[in-house]
Protein backbone atom coordinates (compact mmCIF):
# COMPACT_ATOMS: atom_id res chain seq x y z
CA MET A 1 -61.57 -39.21 -30.34
CA GLN A 2 -57.94 -38.46 -31.23
CA THR A 3 -55.72 -41.41 -30.32
CA LYS A 4 -52.51 -40.64 -32.22
CA PRO A 5 -50.31 -37.72 -31.14
CA PHE A 6 -50.74 -34.41 -32.96
CA ARG A 7 -47.58 -33.84 -35.01
CA ILE A 8 -46.16 -30.33 -34.53
CA GLY A 9 -43.63 -29.17 -37.11
CA THR A 10 -40.83 -26.79 -36.14
CA ARG A 11 -37.28 -25.75 -36.95
CA GLY A 12 -34.59 -27.01 -34.59
CA SER A 13 -33.12 -23.73 -33.30
CA PRO A 14 -33.43 -23.12 -29.54
CA LEU A 15 -35.86 -20.26 -30.20
CA ALA A 16 -38.02 -22.29 -32.60
CA LEU A 17 -38.14 -25.17 -30.11
CA ALA A 18 -39.11 -22.79 -27.30
CA GLN A 19 -41.97 -21.53 -29.45
CA ALA A 20 -43.12 -25.06 -30.35
CA HIS A 21 -43.03 -26.06 -26.68
CA GLU A 22 -45.08 -22.97 -25.77
CA ALA A 23 -47.71 -23.93 -28.36
CA ARG A 24 -47.79 -27.52 -27.10
CA ASP A 25 -48.03 -26.47 -23.45
CA ARG A 26 -50.89 -24.07 -24.16
CA LEU A 27 -52.76 -26.79 -26.06
CA MET A 28 -52.17 -29.31 -23.27
CA ALA A 29 -53.60 -26.85 -20.73
CA ALA A 30 -56.55 -25.82 -22.90
CA HIS A 31 -57.66 -29.40 -23.61
CA HIS A 32 -56.34 -31.18 -20.48
CA LEU A 33 -54.24 -33.45 -22.68
CA PRO A 34 -51.04 -35.29 -21.64
CA GLU A 35 -47.70 -34.42 -23.23
CA ASP A 36 -47.61 -37.72 -25.14
CA MET A 37 -50.57 -36.53 -27.22
CA PHE A 38 -48.17 -34.17 -29.00
CA GLU A 39 -45.09 -35.07 -31.03
CA ILE A 40 -42.67 -32.29 -31.90
CA VAL A 41 -41.16 -32.98 -35.34
CA VAL A 42 -37.93 -31.06 -36.01
CA LEU A 43 -36.94 -30.18 -39.58
CA THR A 44 -33.96 -28.29 -40.99
CA THR A 45 -34.81 -25.54 -43.46
CA LYS A 46 -32.82 -23.85 -46.21
CA GLY A 47 -32.56 -20.75 -44.02
CA ASP A 48 -30.91 -22.86 -41.32
CA ARG A 49 -28.45 -24.51 -43.69
CA ILE A 50 -27.21 -21.36 -45.47
CA THR A 51 -25.85 -18.86 -42.96
CA ASP A 52 -23.02 -17.15 -44.86
CA ARG A 53 -25.28 -14.93 -47.00
CA SER A 54 -28.13 -12.52 -46.34
CA LEU A 55 -31.69 -13.78 -46.63
CA ALA A 56 -32.26 -11.35 -49.50
CA GLU A 57 -29.48 -13.02 -51.51
CA ILE A 58 -30.84 -16.55 -51.11
CA GLY A 59 -34.53 -15.95 -51.61
CA GLY A 60 -36.12 -13.85 -48.88
CA LYS A 61 -39.07 -15.00 -46.80
CA GLY A 62 -40.09 -18.63 -47.00
CA LEU A 63 -36.55 -19.88 -46.36
CA PHE A 64 -37.48 -20.90 -42.82
CA THR A 65 -40.82 -22.45 -43.72
CA GLU A 66 -40.65 -24.28 -47.08
CA GLU A 67 -39.70 -27.74 -45.76
CA LEU A 68 -42.30 -27.52 -42.99
CA GLU A 69 -44.99 -26.48 -45.46
CA GLN A 70 -44.15 -29.37 -47.79
CA LYS A 71 -44.63 -31.87 -44.94
CA LEU A 72 -47.81 -30.08 -43.89
CA THR A 73 -49.27 -30.23 -47.40
CA ALA A 74 -48.34 -33.92 -47.64
CA GLY A 75 -50.20 -34.68 -44.40
CA GLU A 76 -47.02 -35.63 -42.52
CA LEU A 77 -47.60 -32.85 -39.97
CA ASP A 78 -50.84 -31.72 -38.34
CA PHE A 79 -49.67 -28.12 -37.96
CA ALA A 80 -46.47 -26.09 -37.85
CA VAL A 81 -45.31 -23.41 -35.42
CA HIS A 82 -43.45 -20.39 -36.81
CA SER A 83 -42.22 -16.91 -35.95
CA ALA A 84 -44.94 -14.90 -37.67
CA LYS A 85 -42.44 -12.40 -39.09
CA ASP A 86 -40.80 -15.25 -41.08
CA MET A 87 -43.99 -15.95 -43.02
CA ALA A 88 -44.40 -14.93 -46.65
CA THR A 89 -47.55 -12.91 -47.31
CA LYS A 90 -48.66 -15.49 -49.88
CA LEU A 91 -48.79 -19.02 -48.48
CA PRO A 92 -48.78 -22.31 -50.41
CA GLU A 93 -52.17 -23.33 -51.76
CA GLY A 94 -54.26 -25.14 -49.17
CA LEU A 95 -52.46 -23.70 -46.11
CA TYR A 96 -53.33 -20.78 -43.84
CA LEU A 97 -52.40 -19.14 -40.56
CA SER A 98 -55.03 -20.62 -38.30
CA ALA A 99 -53.99 -19.25 -34.89
CA TYR A 100 -51.69 -16.82 -33.09
CA LEU A 101 -50.43 -17.24 -29.54
CA PRO A 102 -50.48 -14.17 -27.26
CA ARG A 103 -47.84 -11.78 -28.58
CA GLU A 104 -44.60 -11.00 -26.79
CA ASP A 105 -42.85 -7.60 -26.77
CA ILE A 106 -42.63 -6.14 -30.30
CA ARG A 107 -39.49 -4.03 -29.75
CA ASP A 108 -35.90 -4.44 -30.92
CA ALA A 109 -33.12 -4.81 -28.36
CA VAL A 110 -29.54 -3.56 -28.61
CA ILE A 111 -26.68 -5.68 -27.32
CA GLY A 112 -23.73 -3.31 -27.19
CA ARG A 113 -20.09 -4.19 -26.54
CA THR A 114 -18.41 -0.79 -26.72
CA ALA A 115 -21.47 1.30 -25.74
CA ARG A 116 -24.91 0.48 -24.37
CA LYS A 117 -26.90 2.56 -26.90
CA LEU A 118 -26.60 2.85 -30.68
CA ILE A 119 -26.44 6.62 -30.40
CA ASP A 120 -23.40 6.36 -28.07
CA LEU A 121 -21.30 4.00 -30.22
CA PRO A 122 -17.93 5.41 -31.32
CA HIS A 123 -17.71 7.12 -34.71
CA GLY A 124 -17.35 4.50 -37.47
CA ALA A 125 -18.36 1.63 -35.19
CA THR A 126 -19.47 -1.68 -36.73
CA VAL A 127 -22.95 -3.07 -36.08
CA GLY A 128 -24.04 -6.53 -37.22
CA SER A 129 -27.58 -7.31 -38.38
CA SER A 130 -29.18 -9.69 -40.88
CA SER A 131 -32.33 -7.55 -41.21
CA LEU A 132 -32.48 -4.98 -44.03
CA ARG A 133 -35.02 -3.04 -41.95
CA ARG A 134 -32.67 -2.80 -38.98
CA GLN A 135 -29.74 -1.98 -41.25
CA ALA A 136 -31.66 0.89 -42.88
CA LEU A 137 -32.91 2.26 -39.55
CA ILE A 138 -29.39 2.12 -38.07
CA ARG A 139 -28.06 4.07 -41.08
CA ARG A 140 -30.87 6.61 -40.67
CA MET A 141 -29.91 7.11 -37.03
CA ARG A 142 -26.12 6.95 -37.50
CA PRO A 143 -24.94 7.35 -41.12
CA ASP A 144 -21.33 6.95 -39.94
CA ILE A 145 -21.85 3.42 -38.66
CA ASN A 146 -20.53 0.47 -40.66
CA VAL A 147 -23.38 -2.06 -40.91
CA VAL A 148 -22.47 -5.66 -41.75
CA THR A 149 -24.60 -8.75 -42.38
CA PHE A 150 -24.73 -10.86 -39.24
CA ARG A 151 -26.62 -14.15 -39.43
CA GLY A 152 -26.86 -17.31 -37.34
CA LEU A 153 -28.56 -18.45 -34.16
CA VAL A 154 -28.93 -15.99 -31.28
CA GLU A 155 -26.13 -17.81 -29.44
CA THR A 156 -23.86 -17.58 -32.51
CA ARG A 157 -24.42 -13.85 -32.88
CA LEU A 158 -23.78 -13.22 -29.20
CA ARG A 159 -20.52 -15.20 -29.41
CA LYS A 160 -19.37 -13.22 -32.47
CA LEU A 161 -20.15 -10.01 -30.59
CA GLU A 162 -18.19 -11.17 -27.55
CA GLN A 163 -15.23 -12.07 -29.78
CA GLY A 164 -15.12 -8.50 -31.04
CA GLU A 165 -16.34 -8.97 -34.62
CA VAL A 166 -18.78 -6.07 -34.14
CA ASP A 167 -19.41 -3.32 -31.61
CA ALA A 168 -23.12 -4.09 -31.28
CA THR A 169 -25.94 -6.16 -32.70
CA LEU A 170 -29.73 -6.00 -32.63
CA LEU A 171 -32.16 -8.80 -31.80
CA ALA A 172 -35.90 -9.04 -31.22
CA LEU A 173 -36.65 -8.53 -27.54
CA ALA A 174 -39.33 -11.25 -27.80
CA GLY A 175 -36.71 -13.84 -28.76
CA LEU A 176 -34.42 -12.87 -25.90
CA LYS A 177 -37.33 -13.19 -23.48
CA ARG A 178 -38.35 -16.60 -24.80
CA LEU A 179 -34.75 -17.81 -24.50
CA GLY A 180 -34.30 -16.36 -21.02
CA LYS A 181 -31.49 -14.08 -22.22
CA VAL A 182 -32.80 -10.59 -21.45
CA ASP A 183 -29.79 -9.99 -19.22
CA VAL A 184 -27.57 -9.54 -22.31
CA LEU A 185 -29.43 -6.51 -23.71
CA THR A 186 -28.06 -3.03 -23.13
CA ASP A 187 -30.91 -0.92 -24.59
CA ILE A 188 -34.48 -1.28 -25.91
CA LEU A 189 -35.48 0.78 -28.94
CA ASP A 190 -38.65 2.87 -29.05
CA PRO A 191 -40.99 1.48 -31.75
CA ASP A 192 -42.08 5.01 -32.67
CA THR A 193 -38.56 5.87 -33.85
CA PHE A 194 -37.30 2.35 -34.60
CA PRO A 195 -40.39 0.46 -35.84
CA PRO A 196 -40.29 -3.34 -35.58
CA ALA A 197 -40.83 -5.78 -38.41
CA PRO A 198 -44.51 -6.49 -39.08
CA ALA A 199 -45.59 -9.47 -36.94
CA GLN A 200 -42.47 -9.26 -34.74
CA GLY A 201 -42.96 -10.98 -31.39
CA ALA A 202 -45.85 -13.14 -32.60
CA ILE A 203 -45.94 -16.94 -32.84
CA CYS A 204 -48.28 -18.26 -35.53
CA ILE A 205 -49.65 -21.71 -36.26
CA GLU A 206 -50.02 -22.84 -39.87
CA SER A 207 -52.35 -25.67 -40.85
CA ARG A 208 -54.38 -27.07 -43.72
CA ILE A 209 -57.52 -25.27 -44.86
CA GLY A 210 -60.52 -27.46 -44.11
CA ASP A 211 -58.84 -29.59 -41.42
CA THR A 212 -61.65 -29.10 -38.88
CA ARG A 213 -60.02 -31.47 -36.36
CA VAL A 214 -56.98 -29.19 -36.10
CA ASP A 215 -59.10 -26.02 -36.34
CA ASP A 216 -61.14 -27.16 -33.31
CA LEU A 217 -57.94 -27.97 -31.42
CA LEU A 218 -56.49 -24.49 -32.00
CA VAL A 219 -59.53 -22.32 -31.21
CA PRO A 220 -58.86 -22.04 -27.43
CA VAL A 221 -55.23 -20.89 -27.89
CA ASN A 222 -55.87 -18.31 -30.62
CA ASP A 223 -55.33 -14.81 -29.20
CA ILE A 224 -57.77 -12.47 -30.92
CA THR A 225 -55.83 -9.27 -30.22
CA THR A 226 -52.68 -10.77 -31.75
CA PHE A 227 -54.73 -12.12 -34.65
CA ASP A 228 -56.13 -8.63 -35.39
CA THR A 229 -52.86 -6.71 -35.05
CA VAL A 230 -50.81 -9.17 -37.10
CA SER A 231 -53.52 -9.41 -39.77
CA CYS A 232 -53.27 -5.62 -40.15
CA GLU A 233 -49.47 -5.68 -40.30
CA ARG A 234 -49.31 -8.56 -42.80
CA ALA A 235 -51.83 -6.80 -45.03
CA PHE A 236 -49.55 -3.74 -45.02
CA LEU A 237 -46.66 -5.99 -46.07
CA ALA A 238 -48.71 -7.67 -48.78
CA ALA A 239 -49.69 -4.32 -50.30
CA LEU A 240 -45.97 -3.51 -50.56
CA ASP A 241 -44.90 -6.98 -51.74
CA GLY A 242 -42.92 -7.19 -48.51
CA SER A 243 -40.18 -9.76 -48.12
CA CYS A 244 -36.74 -10.08 -46.58
CA ARG A 245 -35.54 -7.96 -49.50
CA THR A 246 -37.53 -4.95 -48.37
CA PRO A 247 -36.90 -2.55 -45.45
CA ILE A 248 -40.40 -2.22 -43.97
CA GLY A 249 -41.43 -1.50 -40.40
CA GLY A 250 -44.86 -1.35 -38.86
CA TYR A 251 -47.01 -2.29 -35.92
CA ALA A 252 -50.64 -2.17 -34.86
CA VAL A 253 -52.15 -1.63 -31.42
CA CYS A 254 -55.69 -2.53 -30.36
CA GLU A 255 -57.58 -0.11 -28.13
CA GLY A 256 -61.01 -1.51 -27.34
CA ASP A 257 -62.88 -1.95 -30.63
CA LEU A 258 -60.37 0.25 -32.48
CA ILE A 259 -57.01 -0.53 -34.04
CA ARG A 260 -54.21 1.95 -34.70
CA PHE A 261 -51.44 1.27 -37.22
CA SER A 262 -48.09 2.95 -37.89
CA GLY A 263 -45.98 1.90 -40.84
CA LEU A 264 -42.78 2.91 -42.61
CA ILE A 265 -40.93 2.14 -45.81
CA ILE A 266 -37.32 3.22 -46.04
CA THR A 267 -34.53 2.91 -48.59
CA PRO A 268 -31.68 0.56 -47.64
CA ASP A 269 -29.31 3.51 -47.16
CA GLY A 270 -31.72 5.04 -44.64
CA ARG A 271 -31.88 8.35 -46.51
CA SER A 272 -35.43 8.35 -47.83
CA GLN A 273 -38.63 7.19 -46.16
CA HIS A 274 -42.42 7.37 -46.21
CA ALA A 275 -44.48 6.86 -43.08
CA VAL A 276 -48.17 6.33 -42.46
CA THR A 277 -50.37 6.38 -39.36
CA THR A 278 -54.02 5.40 -39.47
CA ASP A 279 -56.77 3.89 -37.35
CA GLY A 280 -60.12 2.21 -37.72
CA HIS A 281 -62.35 -0.56 -36.40
CA ARG A 282 -60.77 -3.87 -35.45
CA ARG A 283 -63.16 -5.77 -37.70
CA ASP A 284 -61.49 -3.97 -40.63
CA ALA A 285 -57.92 -4.71 -39.47
CA ALA A 286 -56.72 -6.31 -42.71
CA ALA A 287 -58.39 -3.70 -44.93
CA LEU A 288 -56.79 -0.95 -42.82
CA GLY A 289 -53.32 -2.45 -43.36
CA THR A 290 -53.94 -2.82 -47.10
CA ARG A 291 -54.99 0.82 -47.45
CA ALA A 292 -51.95 1.97 -45.45
CA GLY A 293 -49.65 0.02 -47.76
CA GLN A 294 -51.35 1.36 -50.87
CA ASP A 295 -51.10 4.89 -49.47
CA VAL A 296 -47.34 4.85 -48.88
CA ARG A 297 -46.73 3.02 -52.18
CA ALA A 298 -48.63 5.74 -54.07
CA ARG A 299 -46.81 8.55 -52.26
CA ALA A 300 -43.39 6.96 -52.73
CA GLY A 301 -43.79 6.30 -56.45
CA SER A 302 -42.28 3.39 -58.36
CA ALA A 303 -38.75 4.86 -58.43
CA PHE A 304 -38.55 4.57 -54.63
CA PHE A 305 -38.48 0.77 -54.91
CA ASP A 306 -35.88 0.49 -57.67
CA ASP A 307 -32.97 -0.23 -55.31
CA TRP A 308 -34.87 -2.77 -53.20
CA HIS A 309 -34.03 -5.71 -55.44
């Protein structure tokens, strides 16, 4: 019988805390446990400390997870709660993604100051985004737009927008929903024309391989549909060596026993792209994503990736 609280690792941003609280609340409900059986341990990561440069410049994915994973490996945390899209495709030895909470909306939201939609922004408008994928897709849609790197907490970005630093910015709709800030959005982008980041909208739980106590705890909160779709999307990323340095979009949808995947690689300037759409059985979700990644990589050729780094 567990007597000590389970230690849940998380970043300290309002969104990260909302996600950690959601994980805790679902576990409390699933196991009829009191709140004092869970301790939320807040850590600051390199990605939180360095906000004046793009993620690509300071190391890509892993910047929001490294400190949490070190504590997890050392046994100082029982598990960590992350935004799944922040996770590197290769995790530290001994750790794995053991559960996914039910996924939120996968789409990107526009918060416009001078127009509600990207397509209606004035010629030469400035849009802020920290995501290379969003930057590339904006340039594909509107080559005239000036895209600038825009990092920081959701609240920080919204304040910069309000102060007139940019005409619009883009954020994940899932994050706005979890923060109770959907009222700020002015448009929602269609994933067929503006594909989200792989794993966008999903909360994952990372724990130690072989820790059966934690595995048993997490089983009731693991959402199988989210597990299958994100496994497919992360396999697509892995086949392309995806990181914060690479403009990649893609999402999977489960339909009964089948899974359908759409993916895209695009150059940072938005001028060249390769897309893939495929489907198969859900039990082959990861293999389907791998094949899709290998397919677009083969069609694009090695020269396509030269400017990505």
